[in-house]
C-alpha atoms as a PDB file:
ATOM      1  CA  MET A   1       0.000   0.000   0.000  1.00  0.00           C
ATOM      2  CA  ASN A   2       2.918   2.305   0.573  1.00  0.00           C
ATOM      3  CA  THR A   3       3.747   2.866  -3.090  1.00  0.00           C
ATOM      4  CA  PRO A   4       3.165   5.924  -5.292  1.00  0.00           C
ATOM      5  CA  TYR A   5       1.946   3.632  -8.103  1.00  0.00           C
ATOM      6  CA  CYS A   6      -1.201   2.654  -6.209  1.00  0.00           C
ATOM      7  CA  LEU A   7      -3.688   5.518  -6.540  1.00  0.00           C
ATOM      8  CA  GLN A   8      -6.852   3.907  -5.166  1.00  0.00           C
ATOM      9  CA  ILE A   9      -7.867   1.073  -2.854  1.00  0.00           C
ATOM     10  CA  ALA A  10     -11.229  -0.726  -2.874  1.00  0.00           C
ATOM     11  CA  PHE A  11     -12.015  -3.096  -0.006  1.00  0.00           C
ATOM     12  CA  THR A  12     -15.032  -5.185   0.944  1.00  0.00           C
ATOM     13  CA  GLY A  13     -15.004  -6.717   4.409  1.00  0.00           C
ATOM     14  CA  SER A  14     -15.035  -6.016   8.105  1.00  0.00           C
ATOM     15  CA  THR A  15     -15.244  -2.574   9.675  1.00  0.00           C
ATOM     16  CA  GLU A  16     -12.145  -3.272  11.765  1.00  0.00           C
ATOM     17  CA  THR A  17     -10.000  -4.028   8.708  1.00  0.00           C
ATOM     18  CA  GLY A  18     -11.506  -1.062   6.842  1.00  0.00           C
ATOM     19  CA  LYS A  19     -10.330   1.289   9.591  1.00  0.00           C
ATOM     20  CA  ILE A  20      -6.782  -0.059   9.267  1.00  0.00           C
ATOM     21  CA  ILE A  21      -6.828   0.334   5.474  1.00  0.00           C
ATOM     22  CA  LEU A  22      -8.104   3.910   5.750  1.00  0.00           C
ATOM     23  CA  GLU A  23      -5.394   4.790   8.273  1.00  0.00           C
ATOM     24  CA  LEU A  24      -2.612   3.279   6.131  1.00  0.00           C
ATOM     25  CA  ALA A  25      -3.908   5.000   2.989  1.00  0.00           C
ATOM     26  CA  ALA A  26      -3.895   8.358   4.760  1.00  0.00           C
ATOM     27  CA  LYS A  27      -0.299   7.832   5.906  1.00  0.00           C
ATOM     28  CA  SER A  28       0.909   7.092   2.369  1.00  0.00           C
ATOM     29  CA  ASN A  29       0.079   9.389  -0.560  1.00  0.00           C
ATOM     30  CA  LEU A  30      -3.570  10.044   0.448  1.00  0.00           C
ATOM     31  CA  LYS A  31      -4.977   7.414  -1.897  1.00  0.00           C
ATOM     32  CA  ALA A  32      -8.647   7.380  -2.792  1.00  0.00           C
ATOM     33  CA  VAL A  33     -10.366   4.663  -0.748  1.00  0.00           C
ATOM     34  CA  THR A  34     -13.681   2.898  -1.384  1.00  0.00           C
ATOM     35  CA  LEU A  35     -14.933   0.734   1.481  1.00  0.00           C
ATOM     36  CA  GLU A  36     -17.906  -1.648   1.643  1.00  0.00           C
ATOM     37  CA  LEU A  37     -18.045  -2.558   5.329  1.00  0.00           C
ATOM     38  CA  GLY A  38     -20.246  -4.277   7.820  1.00  0.00           C
ATOM     39  CA  GLY A  39     -21.545  -7.408   6.151  1.00  0.00           C
ATOM     40  CA  LYS A  40     -23.767  -6.071   3.400  1.00  0.00           C
ATOM     41  CA  SER A  41     -23.369  -9.364   1.477  1.00  0.00           C
ATOM     42  CA  PRO A  42     -21.831  -8.139  -1.784  1.00  0.00           C
ATOM     43  CA  PHE A  43     -22.177 -10.103  -5.008  1.00  0.00           C
ATOM     44  CA  ILE A  44     -18.842  -9.396  -6.711  1.00  0.00           C
ATOM     45  CA  VAL A  45     -18.603  -9.895 -10.483  1.00  0.00           C
ATOM     46  CA  CYS A  46     -14.978 -10.080 -11.661  1.00  0.00           C
ATOM     47  CA  GLU A  47     -13.820  -8.782 -15.033  1.00  0.00           C
ATOM     48  CA  ASP A  48     -13.433 -12.286 -16.507  1.00  0.00           C
ATOM     49  CA  ALA A  49     -16.911 -13.456 -15.449  1.00  0.00           C
ATOM     50  CA  ASP A  50     -19.657 -14.734 -17.728  1.00  0.00           C
ATOM     51  CA  VAL A  51     -21.888 -11.649 -17.501  1.00  0.00           C
ATOM     52  CA  ASP A  52     -25.108 -13.444 -18.504  1.00  0.00           C
ATOM     53  CA  LYS A  53     -24.571 -16.078 -15.809  1.00  0.00           C
ATOM     54  CA  ALA A  54     -23.633 -13.385 -13.256  1.00  0.00           C
ATOM     55  CA  VAL A  55     -26.884 -11.507 -13.939  1.00  0.00           C
ATOM     56  CA  GLU A  56     -28.886 -14.724 -13.556  1.00  0.00           C
ATOM     57  CA  LEU A  57     -27.171 -15.575 -10.251  1.00  0.00           C
ATOM     58  CA  ALA A  58     -27.423 -12.012  -8.896  1.00  0.00           C
ATOM     59  CA  HIS A  59     -31.171 -11.987  -9.636  1.00  0.00           C
ATOM     60  CA  PHE A  60     -31.627 -15.343  -7.914  1.00  0.00           C
ATOM     61  CA  ALA A  61     -29.543 -14.270  -4.906  1.00  0.00           C
ATOM     62  CA  LEU A  62     -31.561 -11.070  -4.462  1.00  0.00           C
ATOM     63  CA  PHE A  63     -35.107 -12.356  -4.954  1.00  0.00           C
ATOM     64  CA  PHE A  64     -35.094 -16.031  -4.019  1.00  0.00           C
ATOM     65  CA  ASN A  65     -32.529 -16.373  -1.224  1.00  0.00           C
ATOM     66  CA  GLN A  66     -34.575 -15.162   1.762  1.00  0.00           C
ATOM     67  CA  VAL A  67     -32.036 -15.799   4.530  1.00  0.00           C
ATOM     68  CA  CYS A  68     -29.579 -13.685   6.520  1.00  0.00           C
ATOM     69  CA  PRO A  69     -26.786 -13.609   3.917  1.00  0.00           C
ATOM     70  CA  THR A  70     -29.101 -12.433   1.131  1.00  0.00           C
ATOM     71  CA  THR A  71     -27.157 -10.415  -1.426  1.00  0.00           C
ATOM     72  CA  VAL A  72     -28.010  -6.723  -1.216  1.00  0.00           C
ATOM     73  CA  ARG A  73     -25.275  -5.207  -3.403  1.00  0.00           C
ATOM     74  CA  THR A  74     -23.867  -6.180  -6.774  1.00  0.00           C
ATOM     75  CA  MET A  75     -20.370  -4.941  -7.519  1.00  0.00           C
ATOM     76  CA  LEU A  76     -18.702  -5.084 -10.941  1.00  0.00           C
ATOM     77  CA  VAL A  77     -14.910  -5.146 -11.103  1.00  0.00           C
ATOM     78  CA  SER A  78     -13.336  -3.232 -13.988  1.00  0.00           C
ATOM     79  CA  VAL A  79      -9.798  -2.267 -14.803  1.00  0.00           C
END
């Protein structure tokens, strides 16, 4: 994280780890930071994913999976 070549950090996970990442980013070159914290059950679609299948699974996860870890956010990774 302590490199001038890294301009932004995106993290999905616990609030505790997010606080550490934010602190380290501020101590380096003030990188832009995007945090998804606190267990909001993200559905992460990576850049090499089958988009049609990802849409089908995201729809199913949102509307048919009525339990605690129901997906409430869909995130698309792009480079």
